[in-house]
Amino acid sequence: MGAGAEIQDDATDEYGIPIIPDPADAASRKRRAIIDAALAEFLAEGYSAASMDAITRGSGVSKATIYKHFGSKERLFLAVIGGVLPKTYADLEPSDSTLADAPDLRAALLRLTTDRARILLRPDIMSLRRLVIGEMDRFPQLGQLWYRVSYDMNNGPLVEAFTELHARGTLDAPDPVLAVQQLVAATVGVPQLVRTFSPDAEISDEELTRVIGSGVDLFLARYAVRP
């Protein structure tokens, strides 16, 4: 594995996710193959039913090599899923920063929440969400990481925008954190909840537009300052 790449069973980050040192260049392709195979197996089977033999076959490397890189099935699961979670919202546009200056706040909120819903309802992200929820009792650190990533990349910038809109007198939102939570719950949260527990549920574009439009209007009815 190269110098400085030995497994340390107690090496974890602030969330309790194992810190697995990067391998030497010669081993990086094997590491990638292991991660890809493990992610596919864990998403398909969950943690308990996931087979290290299947991961071995899928990665094309030996089981000994997997343990050499990751130490154990538990550390493999935490490292793989913990590594994927921060990338969950990578496709979200940083549009929150311009929200405070939008000429039409309703239109801007509709666009923002609709774009987010379409991304967060993607099958890969929903599968990951269900996996983390299903394994949260065993691996609470993954739930804590998901919440932190969600807040930092999703809710946090929106809180800043609502704080500015409150200061300008556009919104009456003295508690911007609560306001963001209520907006997300009334828009993105509705179809996301359905898909979490009913993966095959059909949500048409028309239904998504109706739900999100109603949620945004509900939010503005409470928080928008009328001229």
Protein backbone atom coordinates (compact mmCIF):
# COMPACT_ATOMS: atom_id res chain seq x y z
CA MET A 1 0.00 0.00 0.00
CA GLY A 2 2.97 2.28 0.33
CA ALA A 3 4.33 4.23 3.25
CA GLY A 4 1.79 5.84 5.57
CA ALA A 5 -1.10 3.72 4.27
CA GLU A 6 -1.42 1.16 7.09
CA ILE A 7 -4.90 0.59 8.50
CA GLN A 8 -5.52 2.19 11.90
CA ASP A 9 -8.64 0.71 13.45
CA ASP A 10 -9.25 3.73 15.71
CA ALA A 11 -8.62 6.46 13.11
CA THR A 12 -11.92 8.28 12.52
CA ASP A 13 -13.04 11.78 11.60
CA GLU A 14 -15.29 14.08 13.63
CA TYR A 15 -18.36 12.05 12.61
CA GLY A 16 -16.85 8.66 13.45
CA ILE A 17 -16.21 7.77 9.80
CA PRO A 18 -13.01 5.74 9.38
CA ILE A 19 -10.06 7.63 7.95
CA ILE A 20 -8.59 5.33 5.33
CA PRO A 21 -5.26 6.67 4.04
CA ASP A 22 -4.96 6.99 0.28
CA PRO A 23 -3.00 4.14 -1.27
CA ALA A 24 0.05 4.49 -3.47
CA ASP A 25 -0.70 5.23 -7.13
CA ALA A 26 -0.23 1.59 -8.08
CA ALA A 27 -3.12 0.60 -5.78
CA SER A 28 -5.52 3.44 -6.57
CA ARG A 29 -7.37 1.52 -9.31
CA LYS A 30 -7.94 -1.41 -6.95
CA ARG A 31 -9.24 0.98 -4.30
CA ARG A 32 -11.69 2.50 -6.79
CA ALA A 33 -12.86 -0.94 -7.92
CA ILE A 34 -13.46 -1.99 -4.31
CA ILE A 35 -15.43 1.18 -3.53
CA ASP A 36 -17.61 0.86 -6.63
CA ALA A 37 -18.36 -2.81 -5.99
CA ALA A 38 -19.02 -2.25 -2.29
CA LEU A 39 -21.36 0.68 -2.93
CA ALA A 40 -23.41 -1.36 -5.40
CA GLU A 41 -23.63 -4.31 -3.01
CA PHE A 42 -24.52 -2.21 0.05
CA LEU A 43 -27.21 -0.29 -1.84
CA ALA A 44 -28.71 -3.52 -3.14
CA GLU A 45 -28.53 -5.60 0.05
CA GLY A 46 -28.01 -3.28 3.02
CA TYR A 47 -25.20 -3.80 5.48
CA SER A 48 -26.12 -7.11 7.12
CA ALA A 49 -27.02 -9.02 3.94
CA ALA A 50 -24.17 -7.59 1.87
CA SER A 51 -21.69 -10.27 0.89
CA MET A 52 -17.95 -9.72 1.01
CA ASP A 53 -17.71 -12.53 -1.57
CA ALA A 54 -19.96 -10.53 -3.90
CA ILE A 55 -17.85 -7.41 -3.35
CA THR A 56 -14.76 -9.47 -4.08
CA ARG A 57 -16.25 -10.73 -7.34
CA GLY A 58 -17.51 -7.30 -8.33
CA SER A 59 -14.23 -5.57 -7.66
CA GLY A 60 -12.03 -8.17 -9.31
CA VAL A 61 -9.57 -8.14 -6.42
CA SER A 62 -8.93 -10.67 -3.69
CA LYS A 63 -10.72 -10.60 -0.34
CA ALA A 64 -7.32 -10.21 1.31
CA THR A 65 -6.76 -7.03 -0.71
CA ILE A 66 -10.10 -5.62 0.43
CA TYR A 67 -9.23 -6.23 4.06
CA LYS A 68 -5.77 -4.82 3.50
CA HIS A 69 -7.28 -1.58 2.24
CA PHE A 70 -10.23 -1.23 4.64
CA GLY A 71 -9.63 -3.54 7.60
CA SER A 72 -13.17 -4.95 8.06
CA LYS A 73 -16.65 -5.03 6.55
CA GLU A 74 -17.82 -2.41 9.05
CA ARG A 75 -15.02 -0.01 8.19
CA LEU A 76 -15.57 -0.66 4.49
CA PHE A 77 -19.25 0.24 4.85
CA LEU A 78 -18.57 3.39 6.84
CA ALA A 79 -15.75 4.53 4.58
CA VAL A 80 -17.68 3.92 1.36
CA ILE A 81 -21.02 5.41 2.43
CA GLY A 82 -19.33 8.18 4.40
CA GLY A 83 -17.32 9.04 1.31
CA VAL A 84 -20.38 9.19 -0.92
CA LEU A 85 -22.60 11.33 1.34
CA PRO A 86 -20.69 14.63 0.91
CA LYS A 87 -21.14 14.28 -2.86
CA THR A 88 -24.90 13.82 -2.60
CA TYR A 89 -25.73 17.47 -3.25
CA ALA A 90 -22.92 18.15 -5.70
CA ASP A 91 -25.37 18.80 -8.54
CA LEU A 92 -27.31 21.47 -6.66
CA GLU A 93 -26.75 24.93 -8.07
CA PRO A 94 -25.57 27.55 -5.54
CA SER A 95 -28.59 29.72 -6.37
CA ASP A 96 -29.28 30.62 -2.74
CA SER A 97 -26.75 33.44 -2.91
CA THR A 98 -28.87 35.30 -5.50
CA LEU A 99 -32.23 34.59 -3.88
CA ALA A 100 -32.19 37.79 -1.82
CA ASP A 101 -31.86 39.86 -5.00
CA ALA A 102 -34.43 37.98 -7.08
CA PRO A 103 -36.95 40.37 -8.70
CA ASP A 104 -39.73 37.79 -8.20
CA LEU A 105 -39.27 35.91 -4.93
CA ARG A 106 -42.07 33.40 -5.61
CA ALA A 107 -40.64 32.49 -9.01
CA ALA A 108 -37.18 32.14 -7.52
CA LEU A 109 -38.41 29.88 -4.73
CA LEU A 110 -40.37 27.76 -7.19
CA ARG A 111 -37.30 27.33 -9.39
CA LEU A 112 -34.99 26.56 -6.47
CA THR A 113 -37.24 24.01 -4.75
CA THR A 114 -38.24 22.33 -8.02
CA ASP A 115 -34.61 21.93 -9.10
CA ARG A 116 -33.73 20.47 -5.71
CA ALA A 117 -36.65 18.09 -5.73
CA ARG A 118 -35.69 16.71 -9.14
CA ILE A 119 -32.14 16.06 -7.94
CA LEU A 120 -33.05 14.63 -4.55
CA LEU A 121 -35.66 12.31 -6.08
CA ARG A 122 -33.07 10.67 -8.32
CA PRO A 123 -33.05 6.89 -7.77
CA ASP A 124 -29.37 6.82 -6.71
CA ILE A 125 -29.86 9.48 -4.04
CA MET A 126 -33.11 7.94 -2.79
CA SER A 127 -31.45 4.51 -2.53
CA LEU A 128 -28.64 6.04 -0.48
CA ARG A 129 -31.14 7.85 1.74
CA ARG A 130 -33.08 4.64 2.44
CA LEU A 131 -29.84 2.78 3.18
CA VAL A 132 -28.69 5.37 5.74
CA ILE A 133 -32.12 5.43 7.40
CA GLY A 134 -32.20 1.63 7.55
CA GLU A 135 -28.75 1.39 9.13
CA MET A 136 -28.94 4.42 11.42
CA ASP A 137 -29.36 2.42 14.61
CA ARG A 138 -26.19 0.49 13.82
CA PHE A 139 -24.27 3.44 12.34
CA PRO A 140 -25.63 6.68 13.86
CA GLN A 141 -22.56 8.55 12.62
CA LEU A 142 -23.85 8.25 9.06
CA GLY A 143 -27.11 9.96 10.05
CA GLN A 144 -25.17 12.73 11.75
CA LEU A 145 -22.98 13.17 8.67
CA TRP A 146 -25.99 13.24 6.32
CA TYR A 147 -27.64 15.93 8.46
CA ARG A 148 -24.47 18.03 8.56
CA VAL A 149 -23.87 17.75 4.82
CA SER A 150 -27.52 18.53 4.10
CA TYR A 151 -27.42 21.61 6.27
CA ASP A 152 -24.08 22.93 5.04
CA MET A 153 -24.79 22.42 1.32
CA ASN A 154 -28.56 22.85 1.28
CA ASN A 155 -30.17 24.63 4.22
CA GLY A 156 -27.26 26.79 5.38
CA PRO A 157 -27.08 29.10 2.35
CA LEU A 158 -30.87 29.40 2.33
CA VAL A 159 -30.80 30.48 5.99
CA GLU A 160 -28.37 33.25 5.02
CA ALA A 161 -30.67 34.40 2.21
CA PHE A 162 -33.72 34.44 4.49
CA THR A 163 -31.77 36.36 7.12
CA GLU A 164 -31.00 39.02 4.51
CA LEU A 165 -34.60 39.11 3.25
CA HIS A 166 -35.82 39.53 6.84
CA ALA A 167 -33.39 42.42 7.38
CA ARG A 168 -34.70 44.09 4.22
CA GLY A 169 -38.30 43.68 5.31
CA THR A 170 -39.20 41.34 2.44
CA LEU A 171 -39.82 38.39 4.77
CA ASP A 172 -41.02 38.38 8.35
CA ALA A 173 -38.69 35.54 9.37
CA PRO A 174 -37.06 36.30 12.74
CA ASP A 175 -36.22 32.59 12.98
CA PRO A 176 -34.75 31.88 9.52
CA VAL A 177 -33.72 28.34 10.46
CA LEU A 178 -37.33 27.42 11.21
CA ALA A 179 -38.49 29.21 8.06
CA VAL A 180 -36.12 27.16 5.91
CA GLN A 181 -37.18 23.92 7.58
CA GLN A 182 -40.83 24.73 6.92
CA LEU A 183 -40.20 25.65 3.27
CA VAL A 184 -38.26 22.43 2.65
CA ALA A 185 -40.87 20.32 4.46
CA ALA A 186 -43.75 21.84 2.48
CA THR A 187 -42.05 21.49 -0.92
CA VAL A 188 -39.18 19.05 -1.40
CA GLY A 189 -40.10 17.09 1.71
CA VAL A 190 -43.50 15.97 0.41
CA PRO A 191 -42.39 13.96 -2.66
CA GLN A 192 -39.20 12.91 -0.89
CA LEU A 193 -41.21 11.32 1.93
CA VAL A 194 -43.36 9.45 -0.59
CA ARG A 195 -40.37 8.10 -2.50
CA THR A 196 -38.51 7.17 0.70
CA PHE A 197 -41.13 4.63 1.72
CA SER A 198 -42.65 3.88 -1.69
CA PRO A 199 -39.77 3.73 -4.17
CA ASP A 200 -41.98 2.86 -7.13
CA ALA A 201 -44.49 5.64 -6.55
CA GLU A 202 -45.13 7.67 -9.68
CA ILE A 203 -44.73 11.43 -9.26
CA SER A 204 -45.55 13.19 -12.51
CA ASP A 205 -44.18 16.58 -13.48
CA GLU A 206 -47.69 17.97 -13.07
CA GLU A 207 -47.99 16.58 -9.55
CA LEU A 208 -44.52 17.83 -8.59
CA THR A 209 -45.39 21.29 -9.89
CA ARG A 210 -48.69 21.28 -7.98
CA VAL A 211 -47.16 20.16 -4.68
CA ILE A 212 -44.22 22.54 -4.81
CA GLY A 213 -46.34 25.47 -5.95
CA SER A 214 -48.74 24.89 -3.08
CA GLY A 215 -45.84 24.61 -0.62
CA VAL A 216 -44.23 27.85 -1.78
CA ASP A 217 -47.56 29.67 -1.58
CA LEU A 218 -48.12 28.32 1.92
CA PHE A 219 -44.66 29.55 2.92
CA LEU A 220 -45.18 33.02 1.45
CA ALA A 221 -48.63 33.32 3.05
CA ARG A 222 -46.90 33.00 6.42
CA TYR A 223 -43.63 34.85 5.83
CA ALA A 224 -43.98 37.36 2.98
CA VAL A 225 -44.38 40.98 4.06
CA ARG A 226 -47.26 42.56 2.19
CA PRO A 227 -46.71 46.07 0.81
